[in-house]
Every structure is written in structure tokens, then in C-alpha cells.
Amino acid sequence: MARSVESIRRAVLGALGAVLVVIGAALLVLPGPGLLLVFAGMVLLARAVPALDRFVAPVRRQAMRAAEESVSSPWRIAGSILVGLLLIVAGVVWGALPQLPYSGWGTGASLIISGVILFALLGWTHRRNHAARGRP
């Protein structure tokens, strides 16, 4: 019984991880938090298949490097904030105007969620970098 529960848990984690990796890979070229989703998917896949754990560290390093670069200067922070605002505005526009291609609240919500995730990551990275430097 315990073995079957563990097998089901690993299968669910593996399937969810694979879905996140595929969506994240698509979002690397589309607007959205692609690298974050690839990282989250890799973590879930590594929990399902321990042999994949060696692939998590390089993805984590790349994700952390990209996050740190996003707050490395005031211009980058301003650019990230501008992109986040544009994603949210574009989401509202895509949800509200049916004449746009791929219009609807599915597309709009994904853009809005991407903007919110960008702001959350920006805040987290900014706090993390200031804590590492010993600033308040």
C-alpha cells in the first residue's frame, strides 16, 4: 500500500514537473516567467526522479543570476517595473477587447499573472540582494 502511494506521488510530481518545464520553455520566448517555471518543473521532476537532481543546480544558478541582474542597477529595476506594468495593462486590454488576436480572459489572465509574478520576484530579489549586502 505504501509503495503504491509513493508511486502515485512520484507520478504526479513527474507529470506536474514535466508540464511546468514545457510551459516554462514556451515562456522563455513568450511573455512570462519562463526560467522560473523551468526551475520549478525541474525541482518537481528531481523529486519524482532522484537521478535528475544533478540538473537542478545549474538551472537554479542561472535563475538566480538572471534575478540578480534584474536588480543590478536603478535602470534595470525601472525597466522591470515598466515591463510588469505593461504586462498587466496588456492583460486587461487582451481580456477586454474581443477584436484582438487570441483575445479573451485566458490570455489576459496569463499576462496579468505574469506581471504580478514579475513584481513578486523583483521584490524578493531586491530584498535578498540588500540582505546579502547588509543593508536594511
N, C-alpha and C. Protein backbone atom coordinates (compact mmCIF):
# COMPACT_ATOMS: atom_id res chain seq x y z
N MET A 1 0.82 -1.20 0.00
CA MET A 1 0.00 0.00 0.00
C MET A 1 0.87 1.26 0.00
N ALA A 2 1.86 1.30 0.89
CA ALA A 2 2.72 2.47 0.97
C ALA A 2 3.52 2.66 -0.32
N ARG A 3 3.87 1.53 -0.95
CA ARG A 3 4.62 1.61 -2.20
C ARG A 3 3.78 2.20 -3.32
N SER A 4 2.50 1.84 -3.36
CA SER A 4 1.64 2.38 -4.42
C SER A 4 1.37 3.86 -4.21
N VAL A 5 1.24 4.29 -2.95
CA VAL A 5 1.05 5.72 -2.67
C VAL A 5 2.29 6.49 -3.10
N GLU A 6 3.45 5.94 -2.82
CA GLU A 6 4.70 6.59 -3.22
C GLU A 6 4.83 6.64 -4.73
N SER A 7 4.43 5.58 -5.40
CA SER A 7 4.47 5.54 -6.87
C SER A 7 3.53 6.58 -7.47
N ILE A 8 2.34 6.69 -6.89
CA ILE A 8 1.38 7.70 -7.37
C ILE A 8 1.93 9.10 -7.13
N ARG A 9 2.50 9.33 -5.96
CA ARG A 9 3.07 10.65 -5.64
C ARG A 9 4.17 11.01 -6.63
N ARG A 10 5.04 10.06 -6.91
CA ARG A 10 6.13 10.32 -7.85
C ARG A 10 5.61 10.56 -9.26
N ALA A 11 4.58 9.83 -9.66
CA ALA A 11 4.00 10.02 -10.99
C ALA A 11 3.36 11.40 -11.11
N VAL A 12 2.64 11.82 -10.07
CA VAL A 12 2.00 13.14 -10.09
C VAL A 12 3.06 14.24 -10.11
N LEU A 13 4.09 14.10 -9.26
CA LEU A 13 5.17 15.10 -9.26
C LEU A 13 5.88 15.14 -10.61
N GLY A 14 6.12 13.98 -11.20
CA GLY A 14 6.77 13.92 -12.50
C GLY A 14 5.94 14.57 -13.59
N ALA A 15 4.64 14.28 -13.60
CA ALA A 15 3.76 14.86 -14.62
C ALA A 15 3.66 16.37 -14.45
N LEU A 16 3.47 16.83 -13.22
CA LEU A 16 3.38 18.27 -12.97
C LEU A 16 4.69 18.96 -13.31
N GLY A 17 5.81 18.34 -12.95
CA GLY A 17 7.12 18.90 -13.29
C GLY A 17 7.33 19.00 -14.79
N ALA A 18 6.93 17.97 -15.51
CA ALA A 18 7.08 17.99 -16.97
C ALA A 18 6.23 19.08 -17.60
N VAL A 19 5.01 19.24 -17.10
CA VAL A 19 4.13 20.30 -17.62
C VAL A 19 4.75 21.67 -17.35
N LEU A 20 5.28 21.89 -16.14
CA LEU A 20 5.90 23.18 -15.82
C LEU A 20 7.13 23.44 -16.69
N VAL A 21 7.92 22.41 -16.96
CA VAL A 21 9.11 22.60 -17.81
C VAL A 21 8.68 22.98 -19.23
N VAL A 22 7.67 22.31 -19.77
CA VAL A 22 7.21 22.61 -21.13
C VAL A 22 6.64 24.02 -21.21
N ILE A 23 5.80 24.40 -20.25
CA ILE A 23 5.23 25.75 -20.24
C ILE A 23 6.34 26.78 -20.04
N GLY A 24 7.26 26.50 -19.14
CA GLY A 24 8.38 27.42 -18.90
C GLY A 24 9.24 27.59 -20.13
N ALA A 25 9.48 26.50 -20.86
CA ALA A 25 10.27 26.60 -22.09
C ALA A 25 9.57 27.47 -23.12
N ALA A 26 8.25 27.35 -23.20
CA ALA A 26 7.49 28.21 -24.12
C ALA A 26 7.56 29.66 -23.67
N LEU A 27 7.52 29.89 -22.36
CA LEU A 27 7.55 31.26 -21.84
C LEU A 27 8.94 31.88 -21.88
N LEU A 28 9.95 31.11 -22.25
CA LEU A 28 11.27 31.71 -22.43
C LEU A 28 11.26 32.65 -23.64
N VAL A 29 10.41 32.37 -24.62
CA VAL A 29 10.33 33.22 -25.80
C VAL A 29 9.03 34.03 -25.82
N LEU A 30 8.06 33.68 -24.99
CA LEU A 30 6.82 34.44 -24.86
C LEU A 30 6.88 35.26 -23.59
N PRO A 31 5.97 36.23 -23.44
CA PRO A 31 5.99 36.99 -22.19
C PRO A 31 5.58 36.11 -21.02
N GLY A 32 6.39 36.10 -20.00
CA GLY A 32 6.07 35.32 -18.82
C GLY A 32 7.32 34.86 -18.10
N PRO A 33 7.13 34.29 -16.93
CA PRO A 33 8.27 33.87 -16.09
C PRO A 33 8.79 32.50 -16.49
N GLY A 34 9.38 32.40 -17.67
CA GLY A 34 9.80 31.12 -18.21
C GLY A 34 10.85 30.41 -17.38
N LEU A 35 11.92 31.10 -17.03
CA LEU A 35 13.01 30.46 -16.29
C LEU A 35 12.54 30.00 -14.92
N LEU A 36 11.66 30.76 -14.31
CA LEU A 36 11.12 30.37 -13.01
C LEU A 36 10.33 29.07 -13.13
N LEU A 37 9.50 28.95 -14.15
CA LEU A 37 8.71 27.74 -14.33
C LEU A 37 9.59 26.54 -14.70
N VAL A 38 10.62 26.76 -15.50
CA VAL A 38 11.54 25.68 -15.82
C VAL A 38 12.21 25.19 -14.54
N PHE A 39 12.64 26.12 -13.69
CA PHE A 39 13.27 25.77 -12.43
C PHE A 39 12.31 25.00 -11.53
N ALA A 40 11.07 25.51 -11.39
CA ALA A 40 10.08 24.82 -10.55
C ALA A 40 9.79 23.42 -11.10
N GLY A 41 9.67 23.30 -12.40
CA GLY A 41 9.45 21.99 -13.00
C GLY A 41 10.61 21.04 -12.77
N MET A 42 11.82 21.56 -12.87
CA MET A 42 13.00 20.72 -12.64
C MET A 42 13.06 20.24 -11.19
N VAL A 43 12.68 21.11 -10.25
CA VAL A 43 12.67 20.70 -8.84
C VAL A 43 11.66 19.57 -8.63
N LEU A 44 10.47 19.71 -9.21
CA LEU A 44 9.46 18.65 -9.07
C LEU A 44 9.90 17.36 -9.76
N LEU A 45 10.48 17.49 -10.94
CA LEU A 45 10.98 16.29 -11.63
C LEU A 45 12.09 15.60 -10.82
N ALA A 46 12.95 16.38 -10.19
CA ALA A 46 14.03 15.80 -9.39
C ALA A 46 13.47 15.08 -8.16
N ARG A 47 12.36 15.57 -7.63
CA ARG A 47 11.74 14.86 -6.51
C ARG A 47 11.10 13.56 -6.97
N ALA A 48 10.61 13.54 -8.19
CA ALA A 48 10.00 12.32 -8.73
C ALA A 48 11.06 11.33 -9.19
N VAL A 49 12.13 11.84 -9.78
CA VAL A 49 13.21 11.00 -10.31
C VAL A 49 14.52 11.54 -9.74
N PRO A 50 15.00 10.96 -8.64
CA PRO A 50 16.20 11.50 -7.98
C PRO A 50 17.42 11.61 -8.89
N ALA A 51 17.51 10.82 -9.93
CA ALA A 51 18.66 10.90 -10.85
C ALA A 51 18.72 12.25 -11.56
N LEU A 52 17.60 12.95 -11.64
CA LEU A 52 17.57 14.26 -12.31
C LEU A 52 18.03 15.40 -11.40
N ASP A 53 18.32 15.09 -10.16
CA ASP A 53 18.69 16.14 -9.20
C ASP A 53 19.93 16.91 -9.64
N ARG A 54 20.81 16.28 -10.38
CA ARG A 54 22.04 16.96 -10.81
C ARG A 54 21.77 18.08 -11.82
N PHE A 55 20.59 18.07 -12.44
CA PHE A 55 20.24 19.12 -13.40
C PHE A 55 19.62 20.34 -12.73
N VAL A 56 19.23 20.22 -11.48
CA VAL A 56 18.56 21.31 -10.79
C VAL A 56 19.54 22.44 -10.46
N ALA A 57 20.73 22.10 -9.99
CA ALA A 57 21.70 23.12 -9.57
C ALA A 57 22.06 24.10 -10.70
N PRO A 58 22.36 23.64 -11.92
CA PRO A 58 22.68 24.61 -12.98
C PRO A 58 21.49 25.53 -13.32
N VAL A 59 20.29 24.97 -13.33
CA VAL A 59 19.11 25.80 -13.62
C VAL A 59 18.90 26.81 -12.50
N ARG A 60 19.12 26.38 -11.27
CA ARG A 60 18.96 27.30 -10.12
C ARG A 60 19.98 28.43 -10.21
N ARG A 61 21.23 28.09 -10.53
CA ARG A 61 22.26 29.14 -10.65
C ARG A 61 21.88 30.15 -11.74
N GLN A 62 21.43 29.66 -12.87
CA GLN A 62 21.04 30.55 -13.98
C GLN A 62 19.85 31.42 -13.59
N ALA A 63 18.87 30.84 -12.91
CA ALA A 63 17.70 31.61 -12.48
C ALA A 63 18.11 32.68 -11.48
N MET A 64 18.98 32.34 -10.53
CA MET A 64 19.43 33.32 -9.53
C MET A 64 20.26 34.42 -10.19
N ARG A 65 21.09 34.06 -11.15
CA ARG A 65 21.90 35.06 -11.86
C ARG A 65 20.99 36.04 -12.60
N ALA A 66 19.98 35.51 -13.29
CA ALA A 66 19.04 36.36 -14.02
C ALA A 66 18.28 37.25 -13.06
N ALA A 67 17.89 36.71 -11.92
CA ALA A 67 17.16 37.51 -10.93
C ALA A 67 18.04 38.63 -10.37
N GLU A 68 19.29 38.32 -10.07
CA GLU A 68 20.20 39.34 -9.54
C GLU A 68 20.49 40.43 -10.57
N GLU A 69 20.62 40.04 -11.82
CA GLU A 69 20.86 41.03 -12.87
C GLU A 69 19.67 41.97 -13.04
N SER A 70 18.48 41.48 -12.74
CA SER A 70 17.30 42.32 -12.93
C SER A 70 17.25 43.48 -11.94
N VAL A 71 17.99 43.39 -10.83
CA VAL A 71 18.01 44.49 -9.85
C VAL A 71 19.42 45.03 -9.66
N SER A 72 20.28 44.86 -10.66
CA SER A 72 21.67 45.29 -10.52
C SER A 72 21.87 46.79 -10.68
N SER A 73 20.90 47.49 -11.24
CA SER A 73 21.01 48.94 -11.38
C SER A 73 19.61 49.56 -11.31
N PRO A 74 19.55 50.85 -10.99
CA PRO A 74 18.24 51.50 -10.97
C PRO A 74 17.53 51.46 -12.32
N TRP A 75 18.29 51.49 -13.41
CA TRP A 75 17.68 51.44 -14.75
C TRP A 75 17.03 50.09 -15.01
N ARG A 76 17.70 49.04 -14.56
CA ARG A 76 17.11 47.70 -14.74
C ARG A 76 15.87 47.52 -13.88
N ILE A 77 15.90 48.06 -12.67
CA ILE A 77 14.72 47.98 -11.81
C ILE A 77 13.56 48.74 -12.47
N ALA A 78 13.86 49.94 -12.97
CA ALA A 78 12.81 50.73 -13.64
C ALA A 78 12.30 50.00 -14.87
N GLY A 79 13.19 49.39 -15.63
CA GLY A 79 12.76 48.63 -16.81
C GLY A 79 11.90 47.44 -16.43
N SER A 80 12.26 46.74 -15.36
CA SER A 80 11.47 45.60 -14.91
C SER A 80 10.10 46.03 -14.44
N ILE A 81 10.04 47.15 -13.72
CA ILE A 81 8.75 47.68 -13.28
C ILE A 81 7.90 48.06 -14.47
N LEU A 82 8.52 48.71 -15.47
CA LEU A 82 7.79 49.09 -16.67
C LEU A 82 7.23 47.86 -17.40
N VAL A 83 8.05 46.83 -17.52
CA VAL A 83 7.60 45.60 -18.18
C VAL A 83 6.44 44.97 -17.40
N GLY A 84 6.54 44.95 -16.07
CA GLY A 84 5.46 44.40 -15.25
C GLY A 84 4.16 45.16 -15.44
N LEU A 85 4.26 46.49 -15.45
CA LEU A 85 3.06 47.30 -15.68
C LEU A 85 2.49 47.07 -17.08
N LEU A 86 3.37 46.97 -18.08
CA LEU A 86 2.91 46.71 -19.44
C LEU A 86 2.22 45.35 -19.55
N LEU A 87 2.74 44.35 -18.86
CA LEU A 87 2.10 43.03 -18.87
C LEU A 87 0.70 43.09 -18.28
N ILE A 88 0.55 43.80 -17.18
CA ILE A 88 -0.76 43.90 -16.54
C ILE A 88 -1.73 44.68 -17.43
N VAL A 89 -1.28 45.79 -17.98
CA VAL A 89 -2.14 46.58 -18.87
C VAL A 89 -2.51 45.77 -20.12
N ALA A 90 -1.52 45.08 -20.69
CA ALA A 90 -1.80 44.25 -21.86
C ALA A 90 -2.80 43.14 -21.52
N GLY A 91 -2.70 42.60 -20.33
CA GLY A 91 -3.65 41.56 -19.91
C GLY A 91 -5.07 42.09 -19.83
N VAL A 92 -5.22 43.29 -19.29
CA VAL A 92 -6.56 43.89 -19.22
C VAL A 92 -7.08 44.18 -20.62
N VAL A 93 -6.22 44.71 -21.47
CA VAL A 93 -6.63 45.02 -22.84
C VAL A 93 -7.00 43.74 -23.59
N TRP A 94 -6.18 42.70 -23.50
CA TRP A 94 -6.48 41.44 -24.20
C TRP A 94 -7.74 40.78 -23.66
N GLY A 95 -8.01 40.97 -22.40
CA GLY A 95 -9.23 40.40 -21.85
C GLY A 95 -10.47 41.17 -22.24
N ALA A 96 -10.33 42.47 -22.41
CA ALA A 96 -11.50 43.32 -22.63
C ALA A 96 -11.84 43.53 -24.10
N LEU A 97 -10.88 43.43 -25.00
CA LEU A 97 -11.14 43.71 -26.41
C LEU A 97 -11.20 42.42 -27.23
N PRO A 98 -12.39 42.02 -27.65
CA PRO A 98 -12.53 40.75 -28.38
C PRO A 98 -11.97 40.78 -29.80
N GLN A 99 -11.70 41.94 -30.37
CA GLN A 99 -11.20 42.00 -31.75
C GLN A 99 -9.70 41.72 -31.85
N LEU A 100 -8.99 41.63 -30.74
CA LEU A 100 -7.56 41.33 -30.77
C LEU A 100 -7.34 39.84 -31.02
N PRO A 101 -6.22 39.49 -31.66
CA PRO A 101 -5.94 38.05 -31.85
C PRO A 101 -5.71 37.37 -30.50
N TYR A 102 -6.21 36.16 -30.38
CA TYR A 102 -6.11 35.38 -29.14
C TYR A 102 -6.71 36.12 -27.95
N SER A 103 -7.73 36.94 -28.20
CA SER A 103 -8.31 37.72 -27.11
C SER A 103 -9.12 36.82 -26.19
N GLY A 104 -9.37 37.33 -25.03
CA GLY A 104 -10.14 36.61 -24.02
C GLY A 104 -9.44 36.70 -22.68
N TRP A 105 -10.17 36.33 -21.66
CA TRP A 105 -9.60 36.46 -20.32
C TRP A 105 -8.60 35.37 -20.00
N GLY A 106 -8.54 34.30 -20.78
CA GLY A 106 -7.48 33.31 -20.58
C GLY A 106 -6.12 33.91 -20.89
N THR A 107 -6.03 34.55 -22.06
CA THR A 107 -4.79 35.23 -22.44
C THR A 107 -4.53 36.40 -21.52
N GLY A 108 -5.57 37.18 -21.25
CA GLY A 108 -5.41 38.35 -20.38
C GLY A 108 -4.95 37.97 -18.98
N ALA A 109 -5.56 36.92 -18.43
CA ALA A 109 -5.18 36.49 -17.08
C ALA A 109 -3.74 36.01 -17.04
N SER A 110 -3.29 35.30 -18.08
CA SER A 110 -1.90 34.83 -18.09
C SER A 110 -0.92 36.01 -18.13
N LEU A 111 -1.27 37.05 -18.88
CA LEU A 111 -0.41 38.24 -18.90
C LEU A 111 -0.42 38.96 -17.56
N ILE A 112 -1.59 39.08 -16.95
CA ILE A 112 -1.69 39.74 -15.64
C ILE A 112 -0.92 38.96 -14.59
N ILE A 113 -1.08 37.64 -14.59
CA ILE A 113 -0.36 36.80 -13.62
C ILE A 113 1.13 36.91 -13.85
N SER A 114 1.57 36.98 -15.10
CA SER A 114 3.00 37.14 -15.39
C SER A 114 3.52 38.46 -14.81
N GLY A 115 2.73 39.52 -14.94
CA GLY A 115 3.14 40.81 -14.37
C GLY A 115 3.23 40.76 -12.86
N VAL A 116 2.25 40.12 -12.23
CA VAL A 116 2.26 40.01 -10.76
C VAL A 116 3.45 39.16 -10.31
N ILE A 117 3.71 38.07 -11.00
CA ILE A 117 4.87 37.24 -10.65
C ILE A 117 6.16 38.02 -10.83
N LEU A 118 6.25 38.81 -11.88
CA LEU A 118 7.43 39.64 -12.10
C LEU A 118 7.65 40.60 -10.92
N PHE A 119 6.57 41.24 -10.45
CA PHE A 119 6.70 42.15 -9.30
C PHE A 119 7.10 41.40 -8.04
N ALA A 120 6.53 40.22 -7.83
CA ALA A 120 6.89 39.43 -6.65
C ALA A 120 8.36 39.02 -6.70
N LEU A 121 8.81 38.57 -7.86
CA LEU A 121 10.22 38.18 -8.00
C LEU A 121 11.15 39.38 -7.87
N LEU A 122 10.74 40.49 -8.41
CA LEU A 122 11.54 41.70 -8.32
C LEU A 122 11.71 42.12 -6.85
N GLY A 123 10.61 42.11 -6.11
CA GLY A 123 10.66 42.46 -4.69
C GLY A 123 11.50 41.47 -3.90
N TRP A 124 11.31 40.18 -4.17
CA TRP A 124 12.07 39.16 -3.45
C TRP A 124 13.56 39.29 -3.74
N THR A 125 13.92 39.48 -5.00
CA THR A 125 15.33 39.60 -5.38
C THR A 125 15.95 40.86 -4.79
N HIS A 126 15.20 41.95 -4.81
CA HIS A 126 15.71 43.20 -4.25
C HIS A 126 15.98 43.03 -2.75
N ARG A 127 15.03 42.43 -2.03
CA ARG A 127 15.22 42.20 -0.58
C ARG A 127 16.39 41.26 -0.34
N ARG A 128 16.50 40.22 -1.13
CA ARG A 128 17.56 39.24 -0.96
C ARG A 128 18.93 39.88 -1.19
N ASN A 129 19.06 40.70 -2.22
CA ASN A 129 20.34 41.35 -2.50
C ASN A 129 20.71 42.36 -1.43
N HIS A 130 19.72 43.11 -0.92
CA HIS A 130 20.02 44.06 0.14
C HIS A 130 20.38 43.36 1.43
N ALA A 131 19.75 42.23 1.74
CA ALA A 131 20.10 41.47 2.94
C ALA A 131 21.51 40.90 2.82
N ALA A 132 21.89 40.47 1.62
CA ALA A 132 23.23 39.92 1.41
C ALA A 132 24.31 40.99 1.57
N ARG A 133 23.96 42.22 1.24
CA ARG A 133 24.93 43.31 1.37
C ARG A 133 24.90 43.95 2.75
N GLY A 134 23.98 43.52 3.60
CA GLY A 134 23.89 44.07 4.95
C GLY A 134 23.15 45.38 5.04
N ARG A 135 22.32 45.67 4.02
CA ARG A 135 21.54 46.92 4.03
C ARG A 135 20.14 46.62 4.57
N PRO A 136 19.47 47.64 5.09
CA PRO A 136 18.09 47.45 5.55
C PRO A 136 17.12 47.32 4.39
